[in-house]
Structures are given as structure tokens and as C-alpha cells.
Protein backbone atom coordinates (compact mmCIF):
# COMPACT_ATOMS: atom_id res chain seq x y z
CA MET A 1 -19.69 -40.82 -3.80
CA THR A 2 -18.18 -39.23 -0.52
CA SER A 3 -20.69 -37.80 2.02
CA HIS A 4 -20.71 -33.97 2.96
CA SER A 5 -20.67 -34.83 6.12
CA ALA A 6 -17.57 -36.82 6.06
CA PRO A 7 -15.03 -35.37 3.79
CA VAL A 8 -11.63 -37.30 2.96
CA ASP A 9 -8.73 -35.45 4.02
CA ALA A 10 -6.43 -36.73 1.44
CA ARG A 11 -4.06 -33.25 1.15
CA PRO A 12 -0.57 -33.68 -0.02
CA ALA A 13 2.02 -34.37 2.82
CA GLN A 14 3.50 -31.29 2.76
CA GLU A 15 0.48 -29.21 3.51
CA THR A 16 -0.18 -31.14 6.80
CA SER A 17 3.65 -31.55 7.61
CA SER A 18 3.99 -29.59 11.12
CA THR A 19 7.63 -28.74 10.47
CA PRO A 20 8.11 -24.87 10.53
CA ALA A 21 9.27 -23.14 7.66
CA PRO A 22 12.56 -21.35 9.10
CA ALA A 23 11.70 -17.78 10.04
CA VAL A 24 13.52 -16.05 7.73
CA LEU A 25 11.52 -17.75 4.68
CA ARG A 26 8.49 -17.28 6.63
CA TRP A 27 8.87 -13.56 7.43
CA GLY A 28 11.63 -12.23 4.59
CA PRO A 29 9.10 -12.45 1.94
CA LEU A 30 6.19 -10.77 3.44
CA VAL A 31 9.21 -7.46 4.49
CA ALA A 32 10.06 -7.29 0.89
CA PHE A 33 6.08 -7.17 -0.10
CA VAL A 34 6.08 -3.92 2.06
CA LEU A 35 8.94 -2.80 0.47
CA LEU A 36 7.25 -2.98 -2.88
CA LEU A 37 4.50 -1.29 -1.52
CA LEU A 38 6.52 1.42 -0.08
CA ALA A 39 8.11 1.95 -3.12
CA LEU A 40 4.86 2.13 -5.39
CA ALA A 41 3.60 4.99 -3.20
CA ARG A 42 6.27 6.86 -4.22
CA HIS A 43 4.74 7.24 -7.55
CA ALA A 44 2.30 9.38 -6.00
CA GLY A 45 4.29 12.21 -5.69
CA SER A 46 5.16 12.82 -9.74
CA GLY A 47 1.19 13.79 -9.94
CA ILE A 48 -1.53 12.80 -13.01
CA SER A 49 0.02 12.24 -16.46
CA ASP A 50 -2.45 9.39 -17.96
CA PRO A 51 -4.26 11.10 -20.66
CA ASP A 52 -7.37 9.33 -19.54
CA THR A 53 -7.93 10.33 -15.79
CA LEU A 54 -8.80 14.06 -16.36
CA TRP A 55 -11.63 12.82 -18.39
CA HIS A 56 -12.96 10.31 -16.07
CA VAL A 57 -12.60 13.45 -13.39
CA LEU A 58 -15.11 15.59 -15.40
CA ALA A 59 -17.09 12.59 -16.15
CA GLY A 60 -17.73 11.90 -12.03
CA GLU A 61 -18.46 16.20 -11.59
CA HIS A 62 -20.59 15.81 -14.39
CA LEU A 63 -22.85 13.03 -13.14
CA TRP A 64 -22.38 14.41 -9.80
CA ARG A 65 -24.03 17.90 -11.39
CA THR A 66 -27.04 16.26 -13.86
CA HIS A 67 -27.46 12.86 -12.34
CA ASP A 68 -27.16 11.50 -16.26
CA PHE A 69 -25.78 8.40 -16.59
CA ALA A 70 -25.95 8.02 -20.71
CA GLY A 71 -26.58 10.38 -23.17
CA PRO A 72 -25.44 13.11 -25.57
CA ASP A 73 -21.30 14.01 -24.80
CA PRO A 74 -21.57 17.22 -23.16
CA TYR A 75 -17.49 17.76 -24.09
CA SER A 76 -17.66 17.39 -27.37
CA THR A 77 -19.24 18.17 -30.63
CA PHE A 78 -17.44 15.72 -32.52
CA THR A 79 -18.74 12.25 -30.80
CA THR A 80 -21.23 10.12 -32.63
CA GLN A 81 -21.99 7.68 -30.06
CA PRO A 82 -23.90 8.32 -26.33
CA TRP A 83 -21.63 8.56 -23.91
CA VAL A 84 -22.53 5.57 -21.22
CA LEU A 85 -21.11 6.52 -17.85
CA ASN A 86 -20.71 2.82 -17.37
CA GLN A 87 -17.35 3.44 -14.80
CA TRP A 88 -19.99 5.88 -12.49
CA LEU A 89 -18.96 4.71 -9.18
CA PRO A 90 -14.92 5.06 -9.49
CA GLU A 91 -15.51 8.49 -11.23
CA LEU A 92 -17.90 10.05 -8.81
CA ALA A 93 -14.84 9.02 -6.30
CA MET A 94 -12.59 10.67 -8.25
CA ALA A 95 -14.86 13.38 -8.93
CA TRP A 96 -15.40 13.79 -4.98
CA ALA A 97 -11.38 13.79 -4.42
CA HIS A 98 -10.91 16.53 -6.97
CA HIS A 99 -12.90 18.33 -5.22
CA LEU A 100 -11.71 18.29 -1.93
CA GLY A 101 -7.91 18.30 -2.77
CA GLY A 102 -7.31 18.79 -6.67
CA LEU A 103 -5.50 16.70 -8.26
CA PRO A 104 -2.82 16.25 -5.69
CA ALA A 105 -5.84 14.07 -3.90
CA VAL A 106 -6.97 12.36 -7.15
CA ALA A 107 -3.21 11.29 -7.37
CA TRP A 108 -3.13 10.25 -3.64
CA LEU A 109 -6.54 7.93 -4.51
CA ALA A 110 -4.92 6.50 -7.70
CA SER A 111 -2.35 5.35 -5.40
CA ALA A 112 -4.36 3.85 -2.92
CA GLY A 113 -6.00 1.64 -5.59
CA GLN A 114 -2.89 0.69 -6.78
CA LEU A 115 -1.97 -1.02 -3.44
CA ALA A 116 -5.10 -2.03 -2.87
CA VAL A 117 -4.35 -4.18 -6.65
CA CYS A 118 -1.20 -5.06 -4.82
CA ALA A 119 -2.77 -6.04 -1.45
CA SER A 120 -5.47 -7.83 -3.08
CA LEU A 121 -3.02 -9.93 -5.21
CA LEU A 122 -0.90 -10.95 -2.12
CA ALA A 123 -4.61 -12.31 -0.27
CA LEU A 124 -5.06 -14.20 -2.94
CA CYS A 125 -2.33 -16.15 -3.39
CA ARG A 126 -1.39 -15.91 0.78
CA GLY A 127 -5.06 -18.14 0.84
CA VAL A 128 -3.82 -21.10 -1.48
CA ALA A 129 0.12 -20.53 -0.65
CA GLY A 130 2.77 -20.00 2.30
CA PRO A 131 4.19 -16.88 2.31
CA LEU A 132 7.52 -17.50 0.42
CA ALA A 133 5.62 -18.94 -2.86
CA ALA A 134 2.83 -16.01 -1.89
CA ALA A 135 4.54 -13.29 -2.18
CA LEU A 136 7.19 -14.32 -5.05
CA VAL A 137 3.96 -14.86 -7.22
CA ALA A 138 2.20 -12.00 -5.89
CA GLY A 139 4.90 -9.58 -6.45
CA ALA A 140 5.77 -11.39 -10.06
CA ALA A 141 1.73 -10.66 -10.74
CA VAL A 142 2.23 -7.24 -9.95
CA LEU A 143 4.62 -6.45 -12.78
CA GLY A 144 2.45 -8.64 -14.76
CA THR A 145 -0.33 -5.54 -14.16
CA ALA A 146 1.83 -3.00 -14.45
CA ASP A 147 1.24 -1.72 -17.51
CA SER A 148 -2.81 -1.38 -16.45
CA LEU A 149 -1.98 0.36 -13.17
CA SER A 150 -2.89 3.32 -14.23
CA PRO A 151 -4.99 6.04 -12.63
CA ARG A 152 -8.64 4.64 -13.85
CA PRO A 153 -11.50 3.13 -12.52
CA GLN A 154 -9.81 -0.14 -14.13
CA LEU A 155 -7.69 -0.41 -10.37
CA VAL A 156 -11.02 -1.36 -8.61
CA GLY A 157 -11.56 -3.86 -11.63
CA PHE A 158 -8.53 -5.61 -10.38
CA VAL A 159 -9.34 -5.53 -6.90
CA LEU A 160 -12.45 -7.15 -7.46
CA LEU A 161 -11.59 -9.73 -9.68
CA ALA A 162 -9.04 -11.18 -7.05
CA VAL A 163 -12.14 -11.19 -4.39
CA VAL A 164 -14.17 -13.08 -6.76
CA ILE A 165 -11.62 -15.64 -7.75
CA GLY A 166 -10.20 -16.27 -4.34
CA ALA A 167 -14.29 -17.21 -3.55
CA TRP A 168 -14.77 -19.43 -6.25
CA LEU A 169 -11.68 -21.04 -5.33
CA ARG A 170 -12.60 -21.83 -2.03
CA THR A 171 -16.29 -22.90 -3.46
CA ALA A 172 -14.65 -25.19 -5.35
CA ARG A 173 -13.10 -26.96 -2.30
CA ASP A 174 -16.17 -26.66 0.21
CA LEU A 175 -19.25 -26.52 -2.65
CA ARG A 176 -20.78 -23.71 -0.44
CA PRO A 177 -22.77 -21.52 -2.87
CA ARG A 178 -21.56 -17.68 -1.63
CA TRP A 179 -24.16 -15.78 -3.09
CA TRP A 180 -22.81 -12.80 -1.84
CA LEU A 181 -20.82 -12.59 -5.19
CA VAL A 182 -24.03 -11.31 -6.53
CA ALA A 183 -23.84 -7.93 -4.87
CA VAL A 184 -20.02 -8.37 -5.50
CA THR A 185 -20.64 -8.68 -9.45
CA TRP A 186 -23.13 -5.75 -9.19
CA LEU A 187 -21.01 -3.28 -7.11
CA TRP A 188 -18.28 -4.17 -9.85
CA ALA A 189 -20.79 -3.32 -12.95
CA CYS A 190 -21.13 0.28 -11.51
CA CYS A 191 -17.20 0.60 -12.05
CA HIS A 192 -15.96 -1.08 -14.97
CA GLY A 193 -16.28 -3.25 -17.63
CA THR A 194 -14.08 -6.08 -16.56
CA TRP A 195 -17.23 -7.69 -14.75
CA VAL A 196 -17.56 -9.93 -17.28
CA VAL A 197 -14.11 -11.43 -16.40
CA GLY A 198 -15.68 -12.01 -13.03
CA VAL A 199 -18.37 -14.43 -14.56
CA THR A 200 -16.16 -16.38 -16.98
CA VAL A 201 -14.12 -17.13 -13.78
CA GLY A 202 -17.63 -18.34 -12.26
CA ALA A 203 -18.39 -20.33 -15.45
CA ALA A 204 -14.83 -22.07 -15.37
CA VAL A 205 -15.14 -23.00 -11.73
CA VAL A 206 -18.49 -24.71 -11.26
CA LEU A 207 -17.84 -26.40 -14.88
CA GLY A 208 -14.79 -27.73 -13.06
CA VAL A 209 -16.30 -28.60 -10.32
CA ALA A 210 -18.97 -30.73 -12.22
CA LEU A 211 -16.27 -32.37 -14.11
CA ASP A 212 -14.32 -33.30 -10.57
CA GLY A 213 -17.64 -34.55 -9.80
CA ARG A 214 -18.17 -36.49 -12.34
CA SER A 215 -14.94 -38.00 -12.95
CA PRO A 216 -13.01 -41.11 -10.61
CA ARG A 217 -9.49 -40.10 -10.14
CA PRO A 218 -7.80 -42.73 -9.41
CA ALA A 219 -3.70 -43.62 -10.37
CA ARG A 220 -3.11 -43.48 -14.32
CA ASP A 221 -1.25 -46.10 -16.33
CA ASP A 222 1.60 -43.54 -17.23
CA GLY A 223 2.59 -43.16 -13.76
CA ARG A 224 1.10 -39.51 -13.33
CA ARG A 225 -1.38 -39.04 -10.25
CA GLN A 226 -4.56 -36.84 -10.21
CA GLU A 227 -4.66 -33.87 -7.43
CA PRO A 228 -6.29 -35.42 -4.48
CA SER A 229 -9.56 -33.97 -3.69
CA ARG A 230 -9.97 -31.42 -0.91
CA GLY A 231 -13.55 -32.32 0.01
CA PRO A 232 -16.76 -33.82 -1.14
CA ARG A 233 -17.45 -34.50 -4.73
CA ALA A 234 -20.11 -32.27 -5.71
CA THR A 235 -23.79 -33.65 -6.49
CA ARG A 236 -26.13 -32.63 -9.45
CA GLY A 237 -27.66 -30.19 -6.36
CA ASP A 238 -24.35 -28.53 -5.73
CA VAL A 239 -23.92 -28.02 -9.10
CA VAL A 240 -26.90 -25.86 -9.69
CA ARG A 241 -26.72 -23.94 -6.77
CA LEU A 242 -23.13 -22.98 -8.08
CA ALA A 243 -24.54 -22.11 -11.31
CA GLY A 244 -27.52 -20.31 -9.82
CA VAL A 245 -24.64 -17.74 -8.16
CA VAL A 246 -23.09 -17.34 -11.73
CA VAL A 247 -26.39 -16.81 -13.46
CA ALA A 248 -27.60 -14.18 -10.46
CA SER A 249 -24.29 -12.63 -10.82
CA ALA A 250 -24.48 -12.12 -14.78
CA ALA A 251 -28.47 -10.94 -14.21
CA ALA A 252 -27.92 -8.55 -11.50
CA THR A 253 -25.08 -6.43 -13.92
CA ALA A 254 -28.59 -5.34 -15.46
CA LEU A 255 -29.94 -3.83 -12.29
CA THR A 256 -27.46 -0.95 -12.29
CA PRO A 257 -28.23 2.70 -12.99
CA LEU A 258 -27.88 2.10 -16.46
CA GLY A 259 -30.04 -0.70 -17.01
CA LEU A 260 -29.73 -2.33 -20.41
CA ARG A 261 -27.93 0.46 -21.47
CA LEU A 262 -24.61 -0.97 -19.28
CA TYR A 263 -24.28 -3.42 -22.15
CA GLU A 264 -23.90 -0.74 -24.84
CA SER A 265 -20.23 0.03 -24.36
CA PHE A 266 -19.14 -3.58 -25.15
CA ALA A 267 -20.66 -3.03 -28.44
CA THR A 268 -18.85 0.58 -29.31
CA VAL A 269 -15.99 -0.48 -27.48
CA ARG A 270 -15.50 -3.80 -30.15
CA ALA A 271 -16.49 -1.27 -33.13
CA VAL A 272 -13.24 1.12 -32.62
CA SER A 273 -10.95 -1.87 -31.08
CA PRO A 274 -8.84 -2.24 -34.20
CA TYR A 275 -7.63 1.26 -34.18
CA ILE A 276 -6.61 1.60 -30.11
CA LEU A 277 -3.19 0.47 -29.08
CA GLU A 278 -4.39 -0.52 -26.06
CA TRP A 279 -6.73 -3.29 -27.62
CA ARG A 280 -3.84 -4.47 -30.06
CA ARG A 281 -2.58 -8.20 -29.31
CA PRO A 282 -0.08 -8.51 -26.74
CA THR A 283 3.60 -8.44 -27.89
CA LEU A 284 6.73 -9.63 -26.21
CA ASP A 285 8.14 -5.93 -26.24
CA SER A 286 6.37 -5.42 -22.88
CA PRO A 287 7.85 -6.37 -19.55
CA SER A 288 4.09 -7.52 -18.41
CA VAL A 289 3.82 -9.52 -20.92
CA LEU A 290 6.89 -11.25 -20.54
CA VAL A 291 6.26 -12.19 -16.69
CA THR A 292 2.65 -12.55 -16.77
CA LEU A 293 3.88 -15.40 -20.29
CA ALA A 294 6.31 -16.42 -17.34
CA LEU A 295 3.56 -17.00 -14.36
CA VAL A 296 1.00 -18.47 -17.50
CA LEU A 297 4.12 -21.13 -18.16
CA LEU A 298 5.21 -21.70 -14.91
CA VAL A 299 1.76 -23.44 -14.07
CA PRO A 300 1.68 -26.37 -15.91
CA LEU A 301 5.63 -26.83 -15.94
CA LEU A 302 5.45 -27.45 -12.01
CA TRP A 303 2.40 -29.27 -12.55
CA ALA A 304 4.45 -31.76 -14.91
CA ALA A 305 7.33 -31.91 -12.81
CA ARG A 306 5.25 -33.21 -9.88
CA ARG A 307 3.56 -35.52 -12.59
CA THR A 308 0.19 -34.71 -11.06
CA LEU A 309 -3.08 -33.47 -14.02
CA PRO A 310 -4.68 -30.70 -12.01
CA ARG A 311 -8.18 -30.42 -10.92
CA TRP A 312 -10.66 -29.37 -13.74
CA SER A 313 -11.40 -26.35 -11.94
CA GLU A 314 -8.12 -25.43 -11.84
CA GLY A 315 -7.32 -26.61 -15.37
CA LEU A 316 -10.06 -23.86 -16.64
CA LEU A 317 -9.15 -21.34 -14.69
CA TRP A 318 -6.21 -21.52 -16.53
CA LEU A 319 -7.30 -21.57 -19.58
CA VAL A 320 -9.63 -18.75 -18.67
CA ALA A 321 -6.34 -16.49 -17.73
CA VAL A 322 -4.61 -17.77 -21.17
CA ALA A 323 -7.80 -16.57 -23.06
CA TRP A 324 -7.80 -13.24 -21.70
CA GLY A 325 -3.67 -12.75 -21.75
CA VAL A 326 -4.03 -13.42 -25.48
CA SER A 327 -6.86 -11.01 -26.31
CA SER A 328 -5.48 -7.97 -26.11
CA MET A 329 -2.65 -5.90 -24.39
CA ARG A 330 -5.52 -4.37 -22.09
CA THR A 331 -6.47 -7.61 -20.73
CA VAL A 332 -2.87 -9.05 -19.81
CA GLY A 333 -3.08 -7.96 -16.24
CA LEU A 334 -6.64 -9.92 -15.99
CA CYS A 335 -4.31 -12.89 -17.25
CA ALA A 336 -1.92 -12.30 -14.46
CA VAL A 337 -4.62 -11.70 -11.76
CA ILE A 338 -6.21 -15.04 -12.75
CA VAL A 339 -3.28 -17.28 -13.20
CA ALA A 340 -1.25 -15.91 -9.89
CA PRO A 341 -3.38 -18.14 -7.63
CA LEU A 342 -2.57 -20.88 -9.84
CA ALA A 343 1.23 -20.34 -9.88
CA ALA A 344 1.15 -19.33 -6.02
CA ARG A 345 -0.33 -23.35 -5.43
CA ALA A 346 1.57 -24.76 -7.81
CA LEU A 347 5.43 -23.14 -6.54
CA ASP A 348 4.09 -23.66 -3.10
CA ARG A 349 3.69 -27.54 -3.72
CA ALA A 350 6.71 -27.75 -5.49
CA LEU A 351 8.64 -26.33 -2.57
CA GLY A 352 7.41 -29.11 -0.52
CA ARG A 353 7.25 -26.74 2.93
CA ALA A 354 4.39 -27.05 5.35
CA ARG A 355 1.99 -24.14 4.24
CA VAL A 356 1.48 -22.38 7.44
CA GLN A 357 -1.97 -20.76 7.63
CA GLY A 358 -1.95 -17.01 7.98
CA THR A 359 -1.31 -15.70 11.44
CA ALA A 360 -2.61 -12.46 13.14
CA ALA A 361 1.14 -11.13 13.05
CA GLU A 362 1.21 -11.66 9.35
CA ARG A 363 -2.00 -9.37 8.56
CA VAL A 364 -0.66 -6.89 11.32
CA LEU A 365 2.54 -6.62 9.00
CA VAL A 366 1.29 -6.45 6.23
CA GLY A 367 -1.84 -3.85 7.16
CA ALA A 368 0.87 -1.78 8.64
CA GLY A 369 2.83 -1.76 5.63
CA LEU A 370 -0.19 -0.73 3.80
CA VAL A 371 -1.44 1.91 6.23
CA LEU A 372 2.39 3.23 5.83
CA ALA A 373 2.32 3.00 2.49
CA LEU A 374 -1.03 5.29 2.09
CA GLY A 375 0.47 7.64 4.09
CA LEU A 376 3.74 8.57 2.02
CA ALA A 377 1.45 8.22 -0.52
CA GLY A 378 -0.52 11.54 0.71
CA LEU A 379 2.29 12.77 2.12
CA LEU A 380 4.13 12.37 -1.63
CA ALA A 381 0.96 13.56 -3.32
CA SER A 382 0.17 16.72 -1.17
CA THR A 383 3.63 18.59 -1.92
CA GLY A 384 3.58 17.37 -5.35
CA PRO A 385 2.17 18.88 -8.78
CA GLU A 386 -0.99 20.41 -9.00
CA GLN A 387 -1.09 20.39 -12.56
CA PRO A 388 -1.33 17.21 -15.10
CA GLN A 389 1.78 16.32 -15.50
CA GLY A 390 3.27 15.65 -19.32
CA VAL A 391 1.05 17.85 -21.42
CA PRO A 392 1.87 21.25 -23.49
CA SER A 393 1.60 23.52 -19.94
CA ARG A 394 3.21 26.17 -21.66
CA LEU A 395 0.90 26.67 -24.18
CA ASP A 396 -1.75 27.32 -21.88
CA ALA A 397 -1.19 31.50 -22.96
CA SER A 398 -1.41 31.03 -27.17
CA LEU A 399 -5.24 28.65 -26.11
CA SER A 400 -6.33 30.67 -24.02
CA ALA A 401 -5.94 33.72 -26.76
CA LEU A 402 -7.92 31.51 -29.41
CA ALA A 403 -11.58 32.63 -29.30
CA PRO A 404 -14.01 30.66 -27.78
CA GLY A 405 -15.53 27.98 -29.61
CA THR A 406 -12.17 27.70 -32.04
CA VAL A 407 -11.67 23.93 -32.97
CA VAL A 408 -8.35 22.50 -32.08
CA TRP A 409 -7.43 19.49 -34.25
CA ASN A 410 -5.77 17.68 -31.33
CA THR A 411 -3.80 14.24 -30.70
CA ASP A 412 -6.25 12.08 -28.84
CA LEU A 413 -3.40 12.01 -25.78
CA LEU A 414 -4.16 15.58 -25.08
CA GLY A 415 -8.36 15.22 -25.27
CA GLY A 416 -8.60 14.97 -21.60
CA TRP A 417 -6.06 17.81 -20.98
CA LEU A 418 -8.20 20.38 -23.36
CA MET A 419 -11.89 19.09 -21.40
CA TYR A 420 -9.74 20.27 -17.77
CA ALA A 421 -7.91 22.80 -18.78
CA HIS A 422 -9.42 24.86 -21.71
CA PRO A 423 -13.33 23.65 -22.00
CA GLU A 424 -14.09 26.75 -23.88
CA LEU A 425 -12.46 25.20 -26.87
CA ARG A 426 -13.72 22.43 -29.20
CA HIS A 427 -11.37 19.51 -29.40
CA THR A 428 -11.71 16.73 -31.78
CA ALA A 429 -10.67 13.64 -30.41
CA ASP A 430 -9.47 11.80 -27.17
CA THR A 431 -8.81 8.35 -25.44
CA ARG A 432 -12.90 7.73 -25.40
CA ALA A 433 -12.50 6.54 -29.07
CA GLU A 434 -15.74 4.63 -28.56
CA ILE A 435 -17.69 7.38 -28.90
CA TYR A 436 -16.54 9.04 -31.56
CA GLY A 437 -16.89 5.93 -33.96
CA PRO A 438 -14.73 3.80 -35.98
CA ALA A 439 -15.26 6.08 -39.32
CA ARG A 440 -13.86 8.79 -37.04
CA ALA A 441 -10.89 6.54 -35.84
CA ARG A 442 -10.02 5.68 -39.43
CA ALA A 443 -10.67 9.76 -39.95
CA TYR A 444 -8.36 10.31 -37.39
CA LEU A 445 -5.15 7.93 -38.22
CA ARG A 446 -5.24 9.24 -41.61
CA VAL A 447 -4.89 12.51 -40.87
CA LEU A 448 -2.04 12.07 -38.12
CA SER A 449 -0.44 10.15 -40.79
CA THR A 450 -0.94 12.17 -43.62
CA GLU A 451 -2.27 9.18 -45.72
CA PRO A 452 -4.23 10.02 -49.18
CA GLY A 453 -7.63 11.86 -48.41
CA TRP A 454 -6.72 13.67 -44.87
CA GLU A 455 -6.89 16.63 -46.45
CA GLN A 456 -10.84 15.88 -46.84
CA ASP A 457 -10.89 14.36 -43.16
CA PHE A 458 -8.95 17.39 -41.77
CA ASP A 459 -10.93 20.44 -43.55
CA GLN A 460 -14.55 19.13 -42.22
CA TYR A 461 -13.77 19.78 -39.08
CA GLY A 462 -13.11 23.43 -39.84
CA ALA A 463 -10.28 23.20 -37.56
CA ARG A 464 -8.63 26.66 -36.80
CA ALA A 465 -5.31 25.32 -34.65
CA ALA A 466 -4.00 22.28 -34.34
CA LEU A 467 -2.00 20.34 -31.17
CA VAL A 468 -0.30 17.47 -32.06
CA GLU A 469 3.11 15.77 -31.19
CA ARG A 470 6.21 17.68 -32.48
CA ASP A 471 7.16 14.62 -34.73
CA ALA A 472 4.01 13.63 -36.43
CA PRO A 473 3.54 13.74 -39.90
CA LEU A 474 0.54 16.16 -40.13
CA VAL A 475 3.01 18.93 -38.83
CA ALA A 476 5.55 19.29 -42.05
CA ALA A 477 1.90 18.83 -44.04
CA LEU A 478 0.06 21.71 -42.26
CA GLU A 479 3.32 23.62 -42.78
CA ALA A 480 3.52 22.52 -46.24
CA ARG A 481 -0.36 24.66 -46.45
CA GLY A 482 0.89 27.50 -45.05
CA TRP A 483 0.50 26.51 -41.19
CA GLY A 484 2.82 28.28 -38.48
CA THR A 485 4.62 27.02 -35.13
CA ARG A 486 2.85 29.23 -32.16
CA GLY A 487 4.99 27.31 -29.77
CA THR A 488 5.84 23.79 -28.08
CA ASP A 489 6.42 22.31 -25.26
CA ALA A 490 6.18 19.11 -24.01
CA GLY A 491 6.89 17.08 -27.65
CA TYR A 492 3.55 18.72 -28.65
CA VAL A 493 3.43 21.79 -31.54
CA LEU A 494 0.56 24.33 -31.30
CA LEU A 495 -0.06 25.16 -35.10
CA GLU A 496 -2.32 27.85 -36.64
CA PRO A 497 -3.04 29.03 -40.23
CA ALA A 498 -1.36 31.50 -41.47
CA THR A 499 -3.05 35.51 -41.45
CA GLY A 500 -5.95 35.92 -43.77
CA ARG A 501 -6.29 32.12 -44.84
């Protein structure tokens, strides 16, 4: 076994070569990535249209006022489960931004989060590959996360996932336990439930390090060669210490202000996941799925092309990426982040060029581009719309004319907007499906599509208005019951029962 004091440097020739890459291949990809940042920043001027953003803002304001991290839902009388604010830290930030500058400030904050995801992906890939491979793969990974780059706390989860993956990949090389990952996981648990993904990444790398340390790596009889070690093999003590980081990271999540209630949301989300589109199995009609699938397949193809076998830590990390990728549409972006450094490293080795270490000039270029993109996003957000977009705002007057406390049976996509713009009304659904419970989720879908039994489900709410998509089957069914249209806007229709009903 190689001792820690005298590690063997058996890196591939192309990684120790002193032949510099042409300037265009070193700087061109980074300039292109900066242009991608600027292009992404342009969306800040489009305002807020995501159905979740508004209730996240309200969640932060509620916590700000009451300091209640969990308890009965203050915004709907039809929820059945406690509302556990397991994303409270970014929600406070969103509420603070809204307090300072309204929705334009929230739009800028969301753009800053999206840019941070892009920058963290580039840094993750650049840590294991040269500029060309890093920029190409990071750009593809950004596309792989595109379906999830919405103005929600999950943006923080993507950034922290990139940080954690980079740290564990360095740990796989030098075997140093990075105990600061415990603090990062605690912070992550205050921001989003994807902290679980970081724990699985750490567990996979530690298991891989243990297997790498136990398995000799001679040349194989079939002609394929093993990837050479980049450092000392792990001793049993090394594995125990690294496993301790994983265990301590997972345990630290119980020490957030939510305590053990943090874990309640996993069960409630799982109960309603069959009824939520974001939790359906990935389908190939999504560009993000196609790009992520290409990255996933690229890795073993390049391993095979070079006739090498990966280290256990890399192979297990690839399997973790695949497992999260096939889990649901919502976790495809997580797969893209996990597989990105593996794809960048494999592509870099396939290109056979010297991997020049990152320089201060590179950091200045990308940093300046990031600052410029943030400034552009701020300018566009400040001149952009001050009201929510994609909602039937022309129906505001009709909704305001309803008596306070009126029950409005609504599509869940407008629940956050009704909470935000018409808190005096009682909405029946929003995208916090987990706190409505599976029974109400099933009833909601029955009513919206007018499946058998929908009348009983609808009548139990005592609704005196309905606000749904114009092409929903419910519209014709209510009209058949004597309801009339009071207005339409943005693809939605407001219906009320005829006078006297």
C-alpha cells in the first residue's frame, strides 16, 4: 500500500504535458460561457410568472412576522397537513427582497440565483477539466437544469450541490476529511430538501474510496486499463473518518430550527407525488431530459473509447446521478449537476490536451462577466413588470367585487397569485400540494376533469366562484349547471353561479 507521505503521481500523460493549448481553445469557451450568463440575465426583465414564487415570498413574510417554522397553514382553510417551512432561509431572502423593491427585486434575486448555478457548474467542471471541456459540459449542464431554474429556493440547492460534489471529488483524490461539509449540509437543510442528494453523493464517494483502497488495479487481460490512482490508497482509518463526515452531515440536519419536523415533508410530498406533474417519470419530450441523457451516456462511452475503467468513486457517483435522473422530472436537473464533472473529466481526457490549471486571469474574466450579468439583470428587472405575469390580472376588479371570505374554486396554478393579490378570498388549491393531502389532490383532479363523482367533490367546498383554465372540462360542466362567465384573461375564465343559485 502506498504511504501518504510518498504518493505515486501516475497521472495520464495529457494531464502532465507542458504543451499549451491554443489561445482560442483556452479563452474562447470561457468567453462563450460569459455570453451565456448575459443571455440568461436577460430573463430578469420578464418579471415573475412562476406559480410558486409568490407563496414563497408570503412564506418568508409569515415567518418574519410570527417566527413560526411549522404549524397550521395561515393562507388556506382547505389544507389538511401542517405547513412545515423547510425552505425558510431563501424564503426570508425573497421576502426581504420583496420588502425592499417589490417583485422586480425578487426577479433580480432569482436571476442572481440562476447565474450562481451557472457559475458553480463552470467552477465544478473547471476543477477537473481544461477550459474547453469544462465550458462545453457546464453549458450543457445548464441546459439540463433549465426546467428547474425557476425563481424558487431550489436554486440554492443546485449551487450547494455543485460545491459538495467538488469537495467530495477532491476528497477522493487526497483523502482529507472536509469537516466543513457538515456546516454546508446544515445550511442546505435550511434552504431546500435536496440536501439529501448531497448525502448520497458523499456516501457514494466514501464507498468508492473504500473499494479503490481494497482493489489492486493491474492491467486487465481484456486489454482495458484501469484509471491510474491520483494519490494514496485509503486505509481503514481514512474510510472511517470520511464516513464520519457523511454521518455527521446527515445528523446535522436535525439541528436546524425545524428539528425533527424537517423530515415530515418527505412523507407528505411522497404521498401526493403521483398527482404532481413535476414528480412524474422523465420523458424524452423535454430538451432538458435529452441534454442530461446525452451527458449521462457520454461518460461511459468515453470511458469505453479510451479502453479504461473508472475508479470506483467515479463509477458509483455516475450511478447516483443515474438514480436521481430516472427518479422524476424534478430531479433531472440534479442528475445533470452530478454527472457534469464526470463528463467534463472524461471529455478532457479524450481530447488529449494539457489541462492547464485555472489562473487569476480566468477568474477575472468569468468574475467580470458574472458581475456584468448581475448588473444587466438588475437594470432589466428594475424596468420590468411590477405585477405577476401570466395571471388573469384583468379579472382583479371582478374578484375584488366578491364578498370577503368567498370560496373560489381555482386551478392550483393560480393559488399563489390569489394568496398574494386577493388574500380576502378563500382559494381551494395551490402548488403546495403536500399540505392538501392525497385525498384532496385526487378530488381536485376529478373536479377539474369532471370525472365521475366530481359534483360531490365540488359542492363540498361551497364555492361561489370558479377560476380555471378556459379549456378545462369543468367550464362546460359548470355552464351546464347554470353558471355564467364573468370574465376571461390570460387563458383563464372566471365563472359564478346565476343569481339566486
